[in-house]
Amino acid sequence: MANEAIYELTQEAALNAADRFPVQQTDAATRATSATFALLGGLENNEISTNGNVTAVVGVLDVWDISGFTASDKTWTLPSSAQVGERCGFHIETGDDEFEVDIHTADDTDQINGVDGNYSTNAWSKAFITGENVIFRCVNATNPDWIVEHDGRIPCRGKIFLNAEQTGIASGSFVAVDGTLATAFDVGDLADLTNDQMVLRRAGDYFIAFAVTTTTKNVAADGFTRSQVTSGGGGISPAVFVPVVAQGAAAFFSEVPDVAAGTGITLDGFVSAWEGGGTGSWIAGANLTFVLVEERLP
């Protein structure tokens, strides 16, 4: 063909970090090592479905089916040695609705994103949703220290609501919304309908919105309605959530920082007095009596 130049690509003795056009050989005798390939921007896939802990290897992306996890969470631990620029990571090919992958460093002195968080002892974060992935790059070979080069964690978000009227609500004290609950949406398998709660599976910051709405009989003319979300394991302070309204509905929302993993969020409503005395009801509906949570990933 006219004006066409054809170039022959030849294999050099060794690839190095300065190369900009790597070709990965399939021949084990001549291909670049995983570590070298990682420096050039590539990661080799390692398909795994183990029900055990995994230690990362530089140059490798662990593609993990965790749907078979049993008994407990598992750990994915960054390498104990790496050169500056070397990379590794994982991808959750199939997630799990109960157990998680805890992300650790090899030693408590190893940093992630410049933070010394004792990440060998305390997990930096968790992953459990299908499609989540994180890639790390070594920035200090001494410890080693790492930065998150790609954060593919997926924010958890979910909403549960009262699906049938809850009757027999007494006045003068908080009453749990624990009737027939249903799920509006659930990314991350947060809904625990058996225990009438949303379980926040990953530590961090969350947006929480909630409401309780009365029906059947009105709140007394001089009365008020309140709603709150609480946590049996602490972490959420009921004192924050005490909006007061004269009639019908009590709704509130808030940004809640530093929530611990495993925190269960339950909904309560309060009526100071029902019109004519006796008891009343919480009304059903996805936007009437509900709890909504959204994770705020950094």
Foldseek 3Di string as FASTA:
>chain_A
DPPDDDDDDDQDQAAALVDADDDADPDPVRGYDLQRVQSNPAADEDEDADLEEAEWDWSHEYEYAPQPHPDAAYEYEYDQFDDASTKYKYAHQHFYLPYWYFYAYPAQCAEEPPDSPRRNVPGPKIAGFHGWMWMWGFHDGPRTYIYTPDGRGDKWKWKKWFAAKFWQAAADDKDFPLDQMDTPDTGNNQDDNVVQWGFAAMWWKKKKKWKWFWDPFKAPQAKWKFKAKAWPVDQGDRVVGGDIDRITMYIDMDIRTGGHGGTIITMIMHINATVVGGITITHTDRPHGMMIMIGDDD
